[in-house]
Amino acid sequence: MEILVLLVWVGCAAICYSQAKKKNLNVGLWTVLGLLFGFFAVIGVLVSQPKA
């Protein structure tokens, strides 16, 4: 069970990483936020505006 939770949290970090890179945001920050806050960080990076 703990492995599943760990995989979901790492998956959230991976989603945050890929979306931040795609939107030209701070990749390191969003990856750490994904590790710490999970789904909430994923929602945050998905609704954030891309940088020019």
PDB file of N, CA and C in Angstrom:
ATOM      1  N   MET A   1       0.815  -1.201   0.000  1.00  0.00           N
ATOM      2  CA  MET A   1       0.000   0.000   0.000  1.00  0.00           C
ATOM      3  C   MET A   1       0.859   1.266   0.000  1.00  0.00           C
ATOM      4  N   GLU A   2       1.945   1.243   0.798  1.00  0.00           N
ATOM      5  CA  GLU A   2       2.821   2.411   0.870  1.00  0.00           C
ATOM      6  C   GLU A   2       3.501   2.662  -0.464  1.00  0.00           C
ATOM      7  N   ILE A   3       3.787   1.593  -1.194  1.00  0.00           N
ATOM      8  CA  ILE A   3       4.429   1.731  -2.503  1.00  0.00           C
ATOM      9  C   ILE A   3       3.489   2.461  -3.462  1.00  0.00           C
ATOM     10  N   LEU A   4       2.218   2.158  -3.403  1.00  0.00           N
ATOM     11  CA  LEU A   4       1.237   2.809  -4.272  1.00  0.00           C
ATOM     12  C   LEU A   4       1.164   4.309  -3.982  1.00  0.00           C
ATOM     13  N   VAL A   5       1.149   4.674  -2.715  1.00  0.00           N
ATOM     14  CA  VAL A   5       1.110   6.083  -2.335  1.00  0.00           C
ATOM     15  C   VAL A   5       2.372   6.784  -2.832  1.00  0.00           C
ATOM     16  N   LEU A   6       3.518   6.152  -2.677  1.00  0.00           N
ATOM     17  CA  LEU A   6       4.782   6.719  -3.145  1.00  0.00           C
ATOM     18  C   LEU A   6       4.773   6.899  -4.661  1.00  0.00           C
ATOM     19  N   LEU A   7       4.251   5.935  -5.383  1.00  0.00           N
ATOM     20  CA  LEU A   7       4.184   6.035  -6.840  1.00  0.00           C
ATOM     21  C   LEU A   7       3.251   7.160  -7.287  1.00  0.00           C
ATOM     22  N   VAL A   8       2.145   7.338  -6.587  1.00  0.00           N
ATOM     23  CA  VAL A   8       1.225   8.424  -6.923  1.00  0.00           C
ATOM     24  C   VAL A   8       1.900   9.765  -6.688  1.00  0.00           C
ATOM     25  N   TRP A   9       2.640   9.915  -5.581  1.00  0.00           N
ATOM     26  CA  TRP A   9       3.309  11.181  -5.290  1.00  0.00           C
ATOM     27  C   TRP A   9       4.415  11.472  -6.297  1.00  0.00           C
ATOM     28  N   VAL A  10       5.166  10.455  -6.682  1.00  0.00           N
ATOM     29  CA  VAL A  10       6.204  10.637  -7.699  1.00  0.00           C
ATOM     30  C   VAL A  10       5.552  10.940  -9.049  1.00  0.00           C
ATOM     31  N   GLY A  11       4.418  10.332  -9.332  1.00  0.00           N
ATOM     32  CA  GLY A  11       3.684  10.636 -10.556  1.00  0.00           C
ATOM     33  C   GLY A  11       3.209  12.083 -10.581  1.00  0.00           C
ATOM     34  N   CYS A  12       2.762  12.588  -9.440  1.00  0.00           N
ATOM     35  CA  CYS A  12       2.361  13.998  -9.356  1.00  0.00           C
ATOM     36  C   CYS A  12       3.549  14.908  -9.638  1.00  0.00           C
ATOM     37  N   ALA A  13       4.712  14.554  -9.116  1.00  0.00           N
ATOM     38  CA  ALA A  13       5.913  15.356  -9.372  1.00  0.00           C
ATOM     39  C   ALA A  13       6.277  15.309 -10.852  1.00  0.00           C
ATOM     40  N   ALA A  14       6.121  14.155 -11.486  1.00  0.00           N
ATOM     41  CA  ALA A  14       6.434  14.031 -12.911  1.00  0.00           C
ATOM     42  C   ALA A  14       5.467  14.855 -13.761  1.00  0.00           C
ATOM     43  N   ILE A  15       4.209  14.861 -13.404  1.00  0.00           N
ATOM     44  CA  ILE A  15       3.223  15.667 -14.129  1.00  0.00           C
ATOM     45  C   ILE A  15       3.541  17.147 -13.962  1.00  0.00           C
ATOM     46  N   CYS A  16       3.867  17.556 -12.741  1.00  0.00           N
ATOM     47  CA  CYS A  16       4.222  18.954 -12.503  1.00  0.00           C
ATOM     48  C   CYS A  16       5.462  19.328 -13.304  1.00  0.00           C
ATOM     49  N   TYR A  17       6.443  18.446 -13.351  1.00  0.00           N
ATOM     50  CA  TYR A  17       7.665  18.710 -14.116  1.00  0.00           C
ATOM     51  C   TYR A  17       7.356  18.924 -15.594  1.00  0.00           C
ATOM     52  N   SER A  18       6.599  18.016 -16.165  1.00  0.00           N
ATOM     53  CA  SER A  18       6.340  18.096 -17.604  1.00  0.00           C
ATOM     54  C   SER A  18       5.488  19.312 -17.956  1.00  0.00           C
ATOM     55  N   GLN A  19       4.504  19.632 -17.134  1.00  0.00           N
ATOM     56  CA  GLN A  19       3.658  20.783 -17.411  1.00  0.00           C
ATOM     57  C   GLN A  19       4.418  22.096 -17.217  1.00  0.00           C
ATOM     58  N   ALA A  20       5.270  22.149 -16.200  1.00  0.00           N
ATOM     59  CA  ALA A  20       6.058  23.360 -15.972  1.00  0.00           C
ATOM     60  C   ALA A  20       7.041  23.586 -17.122  1.00  0.00           C
ATOM     61  N   LYS A  21       7.640  22.519 -17.603  1.00  0.00           N
ATOM     62  CA  LYS A  21       8.565  22.648 -18.731  1.00  0.00           C
ATOM     63  C   LYS A  21       7.821  23.107 -19.979  1.00  0.00           C
ATOM     64  N   LYS A  22       6.650  22.559 -20.206  1.00  0.00           N
ATOM     65  CA  LYS A  22       5.837  22.908 -21.369  1.00  0.00           C
ATOM     66  C   LYS A  22       5.377  24.366 -21.306  1.00  0.00           C
ATOM     67  N   LYS A  23       5.078  24.857 -20.103  1.00  0.00           N
ATOM     68  CA  LYS A  23       4.579  26.218 -19.938  1.00  0.00           C
ATOM     69  C   LYS A  23       5.689  27.221 -19.637  1.00  0.00           C
ATOM     70  N   ASN A  24       6.949  26.772 -19.664  1.00  0.00           N
ATOM     71  CA  ASN A  24       8.107  27.634 -19.427  1.00  0.00           C
ATOM     72  C   ASN A  24       8.087  28.235 -18.018  1.00  0.00           C
ATOM     73  N   LEU A  25       7.696  27.425 -17.028  1.00  0.00           N
ATOM     74  CA  LEU A  25       7.688  27.840 -15.629  1.00  0.00           C
ATOM     75  C   LEU A  25       8.928  27.289 -14.936  1.00  0.00           C
ATOM     76  N   ASN A  26       9.116  27.619 -13.676  1.00  0.00           N
ATOM     77  CA  ASN A  26      10.255  27.134 -12.905  1.00  0.00           C
ATOM     78  C   ASN A  26      10.082  25.635 -12.639  1.00  0.00           C
ATOM     79  N   VAL A  27      10.861  24.830 -13.344  1.00  0.00           N
ATOM     80  CA  VAL A  27      10.692  23.372 -13.307  1.00  0.00           C
ATOM     81  C   VAL A  27      11.031  22.798 -11.936  1.00  0.00           C
ATOM     82  N   GLY A  28      12.127  23.256 -11.346  1.00  0.00           N
ATOM     83  CA  GLY A  28      12.535  22.742 -10.037  1.00  0.00           C
ATOM     84  C   GLY A  28      11.509  23.029  -8.962  1.00  0.00           C
ATOM     85  N   LEU A  29      10.989  24.238  -8.967  1.00  0.00           N
ATOM     86  CA  LEU A  29       9.985  24.623  -7.980  1.00  0.00           C
ATOM     87  C   LEU A  29       8.738  23.757  -8.107  1.00  0.00           C
ATOM     88  N   TRP A  30       8.237  23.596  -9.317  1.00  0.00           N
ATOM     89  CA  TRP A  30       7.007  22.836  -9.510  1.00  0.00           C
ATOM     90  C   TRP A  30       7.198  21.351  -9.228  1.00  0.00           C
ATOM     91  N   THR A  31       8.397  20.828  -9.481  1.00  0.00           N
ATOM     92  CA  THR A  31       8.658  19.429  -9.165  1.00  0.00           C
ATOM     93  C   THR A  31       8.631  19.202  -7.659  1.00  0.00           C
ATOM     94  N   VAL A  32       9.271  20.091  -6.913  1.00  0.00           N
ATOM     95  CA  VAL A  32       9.265  19.983  -5.452  1.00  0.00           C
ATOM     96  C   VAL A  32       7.858  20.161  -4.907  1.00  0.00           C
ATOM     97  N   LEU A  33       7.115  21.121  -5.466  1.00  0.00           N
ATOM     98  CA  LEU A  33       5.729  21.298  -5.036  1.00  0.00           C
ATOM     99  C   LEU A  33       4.906  20.036  -5.310  1.00  0.00           C
ATOM    100  N   GLY A  34       5.169  19.387  -6.437  1.00  0.00           N
ATOM    101  CA  GLY A  34       4.478  18.140  -6.750  1.00  0.00           C
ATOM    102  C   GLY A  34       4.790  17.045  -5.753  1.00  0.00           C
ATOM    103  N   LEU A  35       6.042  16.988  -5.304  1.00  0.00           N
ATOM    104  CA  LEU A  35       6.418  15.991  -4.298  1.00  0.00           C
ATOM    105  C   LEU A  35       5.789  16.299  -2.937  1.00  0.00           C
ATOM    106  N   LEU A  36       5.716  17.567  -2.603  1.00  0.00           N
ATOM    107  CA  LEU A  36       5.207  17.938  -1.280  1.00  0.00           C
ATOM    108  C   LEU A  36       3.680  17.945  -1.198  1.00  0.00           C
ATOM    109  N   PHE A  37       3.027  18.452  -2.238  1.00  0.00           N
ATOM    110  CA  PHE A  37       1.582  18.675  -2.158  1.00  0.00           C
ATOM    111  C   PHE A  37       0.748  17.775  -3.058  1.00  0.00           C
ATOM    112  N   GLY A  38       1.384  16.984  -3.903  1.00  0.00           N
ATOM    113  CA  GLY A  38       0.673  16.002  -4.703  1.00  0.00           C
ATOM    114  C   GLY A  38      -0.357  16.594  -5.652  1.00  0.00           C
ATOM    115  N   PHE A  39      -1.604  16.156  -5.501  1.00  0.00           N
ATOM    116  CA  PHE A  39      -2.675  16.546  -6.415  1.00  0.00           C
ATOM    117  C   PHE A  39      -2.920  18.053  -6.427  1.00  0.00           C
ATOM    118  N   PHE A  40      -2.720  18.699  -5.288  1.00  0.00           N
ATOM    119  CA  PHE A  40      -2.952  20.139  -5.230  1.00  0.00           C
ATOM    120  C   PHE A  40      -1.959  20.884  -6.121  1.00  0.00           C
ATOM    121  N   ALA A  41      -0.715  20.436  -6.154  1.00  0.00           N
ATOM    122  CA  ALA A  41       0.281  21.060  -7.026  1.00  0.00           C
ATOM    123  C   ALA A  41      -0.025  20.780  -8.491  1.00  0.00           C
ATOM    124  N   VAL A  42      -0.523  19.590  -8.792  1.00  0.00           N
ATOM    125  CA  VAL A  42      -0.902  19.269 -10.175  1.00  0.00           C
ATOM    126  C   VAL A  42      -2.001  20.205 -10.637  1.00  0.00           C
ATOM    127  N   ILE A  43      -2.994  20.411  -9.795  1.00  0.00           N
ATOM    128  CA  ILE A  43      -4.066  21.339 -10.148  1.00  0.00           C
ATOM    129  C   ILE A  43      -3.499  22.745 -10.336  1.00  0.00           C
ATOM    130  N   GLY A  44      -2.589  23.142  -9.450  1.00  0.00           N
ATOM    131  CA  GLY A  44      -1.995  24.473  -9.544  1.00  0.00           C
ATOM    132  C   GLY A  44      -1.224  24.683 -10.827  1.00  0.00           C
ATOM    133  N   VAL A  45      -0.431  23.707 -11.230  1.00  0.00           N
ATOM    134  CA  VAL A  45       0.363  23.875 -12.458  1.00  0.00           C
ATOM    135  C   VAL A  45      -0.524  23.794 -13.691  1.00  0.00           C
ATOM    136  N   LEU A  46      -1.599  23.048 -13.621  1.00  0.00           N
ATOM    137  CA  LEU A  46      -2.496  22.952 -14.771  1.00  0.00           C
ATOM    138  C   LEU A  46      -3.269  24.247 -15.015  1.00  0.00           C
ATOM    139  N   VAL A  47      -3.596  24.982 -13.960  1.00  0.00           N
ATOM    140  CA  VAL A  47      -4.358  26.215 -14.137  1.00  0.00           C
ATOM    141  C   VAL A  47      -3.465  27.449 -14.279  1.00  0.00           C
ATOM    142  N   SER A  48      -2.164  27.299 -14.069  1.00  0.00           N
ATOM    143  CA  SER A  48      -1.270  28.449 -14.166  1.00  0.00           C
ATOM    144  C   SER A  48      -1.071  28.860 -15.625  1.00  0.00           C
ATOM    145  N   GLN A  49      -0.811  30.149 -15.811  1.00  0.00           N
ATOM    146  CA  GLN A  49      -0.625  30.697 -17.149  1.00  0.00           C
ATOM    147  C   GLN A  49       0.812  30.472 -17.604  1.00  0.00           C
ATOM    148  N   PRO A  50       1.022  30.185 -18.888  1.00  0.00           N
ATOM    149  CA  PRO A  50       2.389  30.030 -19.399  1.00  0.00           C
ATOM    150  C   PRO A  50       3.143  31.351 -19.365  1.00  0.00           C
ATOM    151  N   LYS A  51       4.455  31.250 -19.140  1.00  0.00           N
ATOM    152  CA  LYS A  51       5.306  32.432 -19.200  1.00  0.00           C
ATOM    153  C   LYS A  51       5.685  32.699 -20.634  1.00  0.00           C
ATOM    154  N   ALA A  52       5.816  33.942 -20.977  1.00  0.00           N
ATOM    155  CA  ALA A  52       6.176  34.320 -22.350  1.00  0.00           C
ATOM    156  C   ALA A  52       7.657  34.162 -22.593  1.00  0.00           C
TER     157      ALA A  52
END
